[in-house]
Amino acid sequence: MMNPELRDWLQNNYFSVAQPALKNSDGIYPLILASQQGRIDVVRFLIEQNAALDVLDQYGNNALWAACYSGNSDCIDALINAGIDINYQNTASGATALIYSASSDRENVVEQLLAAGADPALKTHDDFTALDLASTRKTLKLLSKLVKSGD
């Protein structure tokens, strides 16, 4: 049974209440938008509705990337636990959620992704790793420790 708050969120964002996992007329998937907004209630509901975890936004990013953008650790955990590809690489740039997070001051997200098994050795199409793009000292230390240990 869908609660009124979920129904309102779906309707306010032009998603189908009858088929809540489908994209709206603007081509936006509810799982991506809910992740971007840090709406763990909606993310959990959509996962329970078997929403596809491999949907992408218009920039080629998945819902994990969107959850990293919001910085919502609950959304990140829910998506990882549901089986989203933690090492998905954007086809345009080759960036992963870890690379994005390392490059954009999201230290706690970097820690969370590394703890969940994100691969710090993956490279963008321009040959940069998360370590190469680390934007803070803490992120640099987290990643360089892994690179030195060979994990």
N, C-alpha and C. Protein backbone atom coordinates (compact mmCIF):
# COMPACT_ATOMS: atom_id res chain seq x y z
N MET A 1 0.85 -1.20 0.00
CA MET A 1 0.00 0.00 0.00
C MET A 1 0.89 1.25 0.00
N MET A 2 0.58 2.16 -0.86
CA MET A 2 1.36 3.39 -1.00
C MET A 2 0.81 4.45 -0.04
N ASN A 3 1.72 5.06 0.73
CA ASN A 3 1.27 6.09 1.65
C ASN A 3 1.04 7.41 0.88
N PRO A 4 0.27 8.32 1.47
CA PRO A 4 -0.07 9.57 0.79
C PRO A 4 1.16 10.42 0.42
N GLU A 5 2.19 10.40 1.25
CA GLU A 5 3.39 11.20 0.97
C GLU A 5 4.09 10.68 -0.29
N LEU A 6 4.19 9.36 -0.43
CA LEU A 6 4.78 8.78 -1.64
C LEU A 6 3.95 9.11 -2.87
N ARG A 7 2.64 8.96 -2.73
CA ARG A 7 1.73 9.27 -3.84
C ARG A 7 1.90 10.72 -4.28
N ASP A 8 1.96 11.63 -3.30
CA ASP A 8 2.13 13.05 -3.60
C ASP A 8 3.46 13.31 -4.32
N TRP A 9 4.54 12.68 -3.83
CA TRP A 9 5.85 12.88 -4.45
C TRP A 9 5.81 12.41 -5.90
N LEU A 10 5.25 11.25 -6.13
CA LEU A 10 5.16 10.73 -7.51
C LEU A 10 4.35 11.68 -8.39
N GLN A 11 3.19 12.07 -7.92
CA GLN A 11 2.33 12.96 -8.72
C GLN A 11 2.95 14.33 -8.93
N ASN A 12 3.56 14.89 -7.90
CA ASN A 12 4.18 16.21 -8.02
C ASN A 12 5.36 16.23 -8.97
N ASN A 13 5.95 15.06 -9.20
CA ASN A 13 7.07 14.95 -10.12
C ASN A 13 6.68 14.28 -11.44
N TYR A 14 5.37 14.16 -11.66
CA TYR A 14 4.81 13.66 -12.92
C TYR A 14 5.17 12.21 -13.23
N PHE A 15 5.22 11.38 -12.16
CA PHE A 15 5.43 9.95 -12.34
C PHE A 15 4.10 9.23 -12.21
N SER A 16 4.02 8.04 -12.77
CA SER A 16 2.81 7.24 -12.71
C SER A 16 2.67 6.60 -11.34
N VAL A 17 1.52 6.78 -10.72
CA VAL A 17 1.24 6.14 -9.44
C VAL A 17 1.03 4.64 -9.68
N ALA A 18 0.43 4.29 -10.80
CA ALA A 18 0.17 2.89 -11.12
C ALA A 18 1.46 2.13 -11.47
N GLN A 19 2.41 2.81 -12.10
CA GLN A 19 3.69 2.20 -12.48
C GLN A 19 4.82 3.14 -12.02
N PRO A 20 5.07 3.15 -10.70
CA PRO A 20 5.96 4.16 -10.12
C PRO A 20 7.42 4.10 -10.54
N ALA A 21 7.88 3.02 -11.12
CA ALA A 21 9.29 2.91 -11.49
C ALA A 21 9.59 3.47 -12.88
N LEU A 22 8.54 3.82 -13.63
CA LEU A 22 8.73 4.30 -15.00
C LEU A 22 9.11 5.77 -15.04
N LYS A 23 9.86 6.14 -16.08
CA LYS A 23 10.26 7.54 -16.22
C LYS A 23 9.05 8.41 -16.57
N ASN A 24 9.16 9.69 -16.29
CA ASN A 24 8.08 10.61 -16.59
C ASN A 24 8.22 11.14 -18.02
N SER A 25 7.35 12.04 -18.41
CA SER A 25 7.35 12.56 -19.79
C SER A 25 8.60 13.37 -20.12
N ASP A 26 9.33 13.80 -19.09
CA ASP A 26 10.59 14.52 -19.31
C ASP A 26 11.79 13.57 -19.41
N GLY A 27 11.51 12.25 -19.32
CA GLY A 27 12.58 11.26 -19.43
C GLY A 27 13.36 11.06 -18.14
N ILE A 28 12.81 11.50 -17.02
CA ILE A 28 13.48 11.38 -15.72
C ILE A 28 12.94 10.14 -15.01
N TYR A 29 13.87 9.33 -14.49
CA TYR A 29 13.47 8.16 -13.72
C TYR A 29 13.29 8.54 -12.26
N PRO A 30 12.24 8.01 -11.62
CA PRO A 30 12.00 8.35 -10.23
C PRO A 30 13.13 7.91 -9.30
N LEU A 31 13.79 6.80 -9.59
CA LEU A 31 14.88 6.34 -8.74
C LEU A 31 16.05 7.34 -8.76
N ILE A 32 16.31 7.90 -9.92
CA ILE A 32 17.39 8.89 -10.04
C ILE A 32 17.01 10.17 -9.28
N LEU A 33 15.81 10.68 -9.51
CA LEU A 33 15.39 11.91 -8.86
C LEU A 33 15.31 11.76 -7.34
N ALA A 34 14.74 10.66 -6.87
CA ALA A 34 14.63 10.43 -5.43
C ALA A 34 16.02 10.33 -4.80
N SER A 35 16.95 9.69 -5.49
CA SER A 35 18.33 9.57 -4.99
C SER A 35 18.99 10.93 -4.95
N GLN A 36 18.79 11.71 -5.99
CA GLN A 36 19.37 13.06 -6.07
C GLN A 36 18.82 13.96 -4.97
N GLN A 37 17.56 13.75 -4.62
CA GLN A 37 16.93 14.56 -3.57
C GLN A 37 17.18 14.00 -2.18
N GLY A 38 17.82 12.82 -2.09
CA GLY A 38 18.06 12.21 -0.79
C GLY A 38 16.80 11.71 -0.12
N ARG A 39 15.83 11.29 -0.93
CA ARG A 39 14.55 10.80 -0.41
C ARG A 39 14.61 9.30 -0.19
N ILE A 40 15.12 8.90 0.97
CA ILE A 40 15.27 7.48 1.27
C ILE A 40 13.93 6.76 1.29
N ASP A 41 12.88 7.43 1.71
CA ASP A 41 11.56 6.78 1.71
C ASP A 41 11.16 6.38 0.30
N VAL A 42 11.38 7.26 -0.66
CA VAL A 42 11.02 6.98 -2.04
C VAL A 42 11.97 5.95 -2.64
N VAL A 43 13.26 6.07 -2.35
CA VAL A 43 14.24 5.10 -2.86
C VAL A 43 13.88 3.70 -2.38
N ARG A 44 13.62 3.55 -1.09
CA ARG A 44 13.25 2.22 -0.55
C ARG A 44 11.98 1.70 -1.22
N PHE A 45 11.00 2.56 -1.36
CA PHE A 45 9.74 2.15 -2.01
C PHE A 45 10.00 1.67 -3.44
N LEU A 46 10.78 2.42 -4.18
CA LEU A 46 11.05 2.06 -5.57
C LEU A 46 11.85 0.76 -5.67
N ILE A 47 12.78 0.56 -4.76
CA ILE A 47 13.52 -0.70 -4.73
C ILE A 47 12.56 -1.86 -4.44
N GLU A 48 11.65 -1.65 -3.51
CA GLU A 48 10.64 -2.68 -3.20
C GLU A 48 9.74 -2.95 -4.41
N GLN A 49 9.56 -1.95 -5.26
CA GLN A 49 8.74 -2.10 -6.47
C GLN A 49 9.55 -2.67 -7.64
N ASN A 50 10.77 -3.12 -7.33
CA ASN A 50 11.68 -3.69 -8.34
C ASN A 50 12.05 -2.70 -9.44
N ALA A 51 12.25 -1.46 -9.06
CA ALA A 51 12.72 -0.46 -10.03
C ALA A 51 14.07 -0.92 -10.57
N ALA A 52 14.27 -0.74 -11.86
CA ALA A 52 15.54 -1.12 -12.48
C ALA A 52 16.66 -0.28 -11.88
N LEU A 53 17.75 -0.93 -11.50
CA LEU A 53 18.89 -0.24 -10.90
C LEU A 53 19.87 0.28 -11.93
N ASP A 54 19.67 -0.09 -13.19
CA ASP A 54 20.62 0.31 -14.24
C ASP A 54 20.13 1.49 -15.07
N VAL A 55 19.10 2.20 -14.59
CA VAL A 55 18.63 3.37 -15.33
C VAL A 55 19.64 4.50 -15.20
N LEU A 56 19.66 5.35 -16.21
CA LEU A 56 20.63 6.46 -16.26
C LEU A 56 19.91 7.78 -16.47
N ASP A 57 20.54 8.85 -16.01
CA ASP A 57 20.01 10.18 -16.28
C ASP A 57 20.49 10.66 -17.65
N GLN A 58 20.15 11.88 -18.01
CA GLN A 58 20.50 12.39 -19.34
C GLN A 58 22.00 12.59 -19.52
N TYR A 59 22.76 12.51 -18.42
CA TYR A 59 24.22 12.67 -18.50
C TYR A 59 24.95 11.33 -18.46
N GLY A 60 24.18 10.24 -18.38
CA GLY A 60 24.78 8.91 -18.35
C GLY A 60 25.18 8.43 -16.97
N ASN A 61 24.61 9.04 -15.93
CA ASN A 61 24.92 8.65 -14.56
C ASN A 61 23.80 7.82 -13.96
N ASN A 62 24.16 6.91 -13.05
CA ASN A 62 23.15 6.06 -12.43
C ASN A 62 22.65 6.67 -11.11
N ALA A 63 21.74 5.94 -10.46
CA ALA A 63 21.14 6.44 -9.22
C ALA A 63 22.15 6.55 -8.09
N LEU A 64 23.19 5.70 -8.10
CA LEU A 64 24.21 5.81 -7.06
C LEU A 64 24.93 7.15 -7.17
N TRP A 65 25.24 7.55 -8.38
CA TRP A 65 25.87 8.85 -8.60
C TRP A 65 24.96 9.96 -8.04
N ALA A 66 23.66 9.84 -8.32
CA ALA A 66 22.70 10.84 -7.83
C ALA A 66 22.65 10.86 -6.31
N ALA A 67 22.72 9.69 -5.68
CA ALA A 67 22.72 9.62 -4.22
C ALA A 67 24.01 10.22 -3.66
N CYS A 68 25.12 10.03 -4.36
CA CYS A 68 26.39 10.63 -3.93
C CYS A 68 26.31 12.15 -4.06
N TYR A 69 25.64 12.62 -5.08
CA TYR A 69 25.42 14.06 -5.26
C TYR A 69 24.68 14.63 -4.05
N SER A 70 23.64 13.92 -3.61
CA SER A 70 22.86 14.40 -2.46
C SER A 70 23.62 14.20 -1.15
N GLY A 71 24.58 13.27 -1.16
CA GLY A 71 25.33 12.99 0.05
C GLY A 71 24.54 12.19 1.07
N ASN A 72 23.43 11.60 0.65
CA ASN A 72 22.58 10.86 1.58
C ASN A 72 23.09 9.44 1.76
N SER A 73 23.70 9.16 2.92
CA SER A 73 24.30 7.85 3.16
C SER A 73 23.27 6.73 3.18
N ASP A 74 22.05 7.01 3.63
CA ASP A 74 21.01 5.98 3.63
C ASP A 74 20.63 5.57 2.21
N CYS A 75 20.51 6.55 1.33
CA CYS A 75 20.20 6.24 -0.08
C CYS A 75 21.35 5.45 -0.71
N ILE A 76 22.59 5.86 -0.42
CA ILE A 76 23.75 5.16 -0.96
C ILE A 76 23.73 3.70 -0.49
N ASP A 77 23.53 3.48 0.81
CA ASP A 77 23.49 2.12 1.35
C ASP A 77 22.36 1.31 0.73
N ALA A 78 21.19 1.90 0.62
CA ALA A 78 20.04 1.16 0.08
C ALA A 78 20.31 0.71 -1.36
N LEU A 79 20.88 1.59 -2.15
CA LEU A 79 21.18 1.24 -3.55
C LEU A 79 22.26 0.17 -3.64
N ILE A 80 23.30 0.30 -2.84
CA ILE A 80 24.37 -0.71 -2.85
C ILE A 80 23.82 -2.06 -2.38
N ASN A 81 23.05 -2.05 -1.31
CA ASN A 81 22.47 -3.29 -0.79
C ASN A 81 21.49 -3.93 -1.77
N ALA A 82 20.87 -3.10 -2.60
CA ALA A 82 19.93 -3.62 -3.61
C ALA A 82 20.67 -4.21 -4.80
N GLY A 83 21.97 -3.92 -4.92
CA GLY A 83 22.76 -4.51 -5.99
C GLY A 83 23.16 -3.58 -7.12
N ILE A 84 23.05 -2.27 -6.91
CA ILE A 84 23.47 -1.35 -7.97
C ILE A 84 24.96 -1.53 -8.23
N ASP A 85 25.38 -1.27 -9.44
CA ASP A 85 26.79 -1.41 -9.81
C ASP A 85 27.58 -0.27 -9.18
N ILE A 86 28.32 -0.57 -8.13
CA ILE A 86 29.08 0.45 -7.39
C ILE A 86 30.22 1.03 -8.23
N ASN A 87 30.65 0.28 -9.22
CA ASN A 87 31.76 0.71 -10.07
C ASN A 87 31.31 1.11 -11.47
N TYR A 88 30.03 1.41 -11.63
CA TYR A 88 29.53 1.83 -12.94
C TYR A 88 30.32 3.06 -13.42
N GLN A 89 30.75 3.00 -14.68
CA GLN A 89 31.49 4.12 -15.26
C GLN A 89 30.63 4.81 -16.31
N ASN A 90 30.48 6.11 -16.15
CA ASN A 90 29.75 6.94 -17.09
C ASN A 90 30.37 6.74 -18.48
N THR A 91 29.53 6.47 -19.48
CA THR A 91 30.06 6.19 -20.81
C THR A 91 30.72 7.40 -21.46
N ALA A 92 30.28 8.59 -21.11
CA ALA A 92 30.85 9.79 -21.71
C ALA A 92 32.25 10.11 -21.16
N SER A 93 32.41 9.97 -19.84
CA SER A 93 33.67 10.38 -19.21
C SER A 93 34.47 9.24 -18.59
N GLY A 94 33.78 8.15 -18.28
CA GLY A 94 34.43 7.05 -17.59
C GLY A 94 34.47 7.22 -16.09
N ALA A 95 33.92 8.31 -15.58
CA ALA A 95 33.93 8.56 -14.14
C ALA A 95 32.98 7.62 -13.41
N THR A 96 33.38 7.23 -12.22
CA THR A 96 32.54 6.44 -11.32
C THR A 96 31.99 7.36 -10.23
N ALA A 97 31.08 6.82 -9.42
CA ALA A 97 30.56 7.60 -8.29
C ALA A 97 31.70 7.95 -7.33
N LEU A 98 32.67 7.05 -7.18
CA LEU A 98 33.82 7.33 -6.32
C LEU A 98 34.67 8.47 -6.88
N ILE A 99 34.93 8.44 -8.16
CA ILE A 99 35.72 9.51 -8.79
C ILE A 99 34.99 10.85 -8.64
N TYR A 100 33.69 10.84 -8.91
CA TYR A 100 32.90 12.06 -8.76
C TYR A 100 32.97 12.57 -7.32
N SER A 101 32.76 11.69 -6.37
CA SER A 101 32.73 12.08 -4.96
C SER A 101 34.09 12.59 -4.49
N ALA A 102 35.16 11.94 -4.95
CA ALA A 102 36.51 12.37 -4.58
C ALA A 102 36.82 13.76 -5.12
N SER A 103 36.29 14.05 -6.28
CA SER A 103 36.58 15.33 -6.93
C SER A 103 35.68 16.47 -6.47
N SER A 104 34.70 16.18 -5.63
CA SER A 104 33.73 17.21 -5.27
C SER A 104 33.49 17.36 -3.77
N ASP A 105 34.54 17.19 -2.99
CA ASP A 105 34.47 17.47 -1.55
C ASP A 105 33.47 16.61 -0.77
N ARG A 106 33.24 15.40 -1.19
CA ARG A 106 32.30 14.53 -0.49
C ARG A 106 33.08 13.44 0.26
N GLU A 107 33.81 13.87 1.28
CA GLU A 107 34.71 12.98 2.02
C GLU A 107 33.98 11.79 2.65
N ASN A 108 32.84 12.05 3.29
CA ASN A 108 32.09 10.96 3.94
C ASN A 108 31.58 9.96 2.91
N VAL A 109 31.19 10.45 1.76
CA VAL A 109 30.72 9.57 0.69
C VAL A 109 31.88 8.72 0.17
N VAL A 110 33.05 9.31 0.02
CA VAL A 110 34.23 8.57 -0.41
C VAL A 110 34.50 7.44 0.58
N GLU A 111 34.48 7.74 1.87
CA GLU A 111 34.69 6.71 2.89
C GLU A 111 33.66 5.60 2.78
N GLN A 112 32.42 5.98 2.60
CA GLN A 112 31.33 5.00 2.50
C GLN A 112 31.49 4.11 1.27
N LEU A 113 31.80 4.70 0.14
CA LEU A 113 31.97 3.92 -1.10
C LEU A 113 33.17 2.98 -0.99
N LEU A 114 34.26 3.45 -0.42
CA LEU A 114 35.44 2.59 -0.26
C LEU A 114 35.13 1.43 0.67
N ALA A 115 34.42 1.70 1.76
CA ALA A 115 34.04 0.65 2.71
C ALA A 115 33.13 -0.40 2.06
N ALA A 116 32.35 0.04 1.08
CA ALA A 116 31.43 -0.86 0.38
C ALA A 116 32.10 -1.60 -0.78
N GLY A 117 33.37 -1.27 -1.05
CA GLY A 117 34.10 -2.00 -2.07
C GLY A 117 34.29 -1.31 -3.40
N ALA A 118 34.07 0.00 -3.46
CA ALA A 118 34.31 0.73 -4.71
C ALA A 118 35.78 0.61 -5.09
N ASP A 119 36.05 0.49 -6.38
CA ASP A 119 37.40 0.28 -6.88
C ASP A 119 38.10 1.63 -7.10
N PRO A 120 39.12 1.95 -6.30
CA PRO A 120 39.81 3.23 -6.45
C PRO A 120 40.77 3.26 -7.63
N ALA A 121 41.00 2.13 -8.28
CA ALA A 121 41.95 2.07 -9.39
C ALA A 121 41.32 2.37 -10.75
N LEU A 122 40.00 2.42 -10.80
CA LEU A 122 39.35 2.70 -12.09
C LEU A 122 39.71 4.10 -12.57
N LYS A 123 39.78 4.27 -13.90
CA LYS A 123 40.20 5.54 -14.48
C LYS A 123 39.14 6.10 -15.41
N THR A 124 39.12 7.42 -15.50
CA THR A 124 38.26 8.09 -16.47
C THR A 124 38.86 7.88 -17.86
N HIS A 125 38.14 8.30 -18.89
CA HIS A 125 38.66 8.21 -20.25
C HIS A 125 39.92 9.06 -20.44
N ASP A 126 40.09 10.06 -19.57
CA ASP A 126 41.27 10.92 -19.62
C ASP A 126 42.40 10.39 -18.74
N ASP A 127 42.23 9.17 -18.23
CA ASP A 127 43.27 8.47 -17.47
C ASP A 127 43.46 9.00 -16.04
N PHE A 128 42.41 9.52 -15.42
CA PHE A 128 42.48 10.00 -14.05
C PHE A 128 41.76 9.03 -13.11
N THR A 129 42.36 8.77 -11.95
CA THR A 129 41.72 7.97 -10.91
C THR A 129 41.09 8.90 -9.88
N ALA A 130 40.38 8.31 -8.92
CA ALA A 130 39.82 9.11 -7.82
C ALA A 130 40.94 9.81 -7.05
N LEU A 131 42.06 9.15 -6.88
CA LEU A 131 43.20 9.75 -6.19
C LEU A 131 43.71 10.98 -6.95
N ASP A 132 43.81 10.85 -8.26
CA ASP A 132 44.28 11.98 -9.08
C ASP A 132 43.37 13.20 -8.94
N LEU A 133 42.10 12.97 -8.71
CA LEU A 133 41.12 14.07 -8.68
C LEU A 133 40.67 14.44 -7.28
N ALA A 134 41.29 13.85 -6.26
CA ALA A 134 40.91 14.13 -4.87
C ALA A 134 40.97 15.63 -4.59
N SER A 135 39.90 16.17 -4.05
CA SER A 135 39.80 17.62 -3.87
C SER A 135 40.05 18.09 -2.44
N THR A 136 40.21 17.16 -1.51
CA THR A 136 40.50 17.55 -0.13
C THR A 136 41.64 16.69 0.41
N ARG A 137 42.28 17.19 1.43
CA ARG A 137 43.39 16.46 2.06
C ARG A 137 42.91 15.12 2.62
N LYS A 138 41.75 15.12 3.26
CA LYS A 138 41.23 13.88 3.84
C LYS A 138 40.98 12.83 2.75
N THR A 139 40.38 13.24 1.65
CA THR A 139 40.13 12.32 0.55
C THR A 139 41.44 11.82 -0.03
N LEU A 140 42.39 12.70 -0.18
CA LEU A 140 43.71 12.33 -0.69
C LEU A 140 44.35 11.27 0.22
N LYS A 141 44.27 11.46 1.53
CA LYS A 141 44.83 10.50 2.47
C LYS A 141 44.11 9.16 2.42
N LEU A 142 42.79 9.20 2.35
CA LEU A 142 42.01 7.96 2.27
C LEU A 142 42.41 7.13 1.05
N LEU A 143 42.48 7.80 -0.07
CA LEU A 143 42.77 7.10 -1.33
C LEU A 143 44.23 6.70 -1.46
N SER A 144 45.14 7.56 -1.02
CA SER A 144 46.56 7.23 -1.17
C SER A 144 46.94 6.06 -0.28
N LYS A 145 46.28 5.93 0.88
CA LYS A 145 46.51 4.79 1.75
C LYS A 145 46.17 3.48 1.05
N LEU A 146 45.08 3.48 0.30
CA LEU A 146 44.65 2.29 -0.43
C LEU A 146 45.60 1.97 -1.58
N VAL A 147 46.01 3.01 -2.29
CA VAL A 147 46.89 2.81 -3.43
C VAL A 147 48.23 2.26 -2.96
N LYS A 148 48.75 2.80 -1.86
CA LYS A 148 50.03 2.33 -1.33
C LYS A 148 49.95 0.89 -0.83
N SER A 149 48.81 0.52 -0.24
CA SER A 149 48.67 -0.84 0.30
C SER A 149 48.32 -1.85 -0.80
N GLY A 150 47.90 -1.33 -1.95
CA GLY A 150 47.57 -2.21 -3.07
C GLY A 150 46.19 -2.81 -3.00
N ASP A 151 45.33 -2.30 -2.12
CA ASP A 151 43.94 -2.82 -2.02
C ASP A 151 43.10 -2.39 -3.18
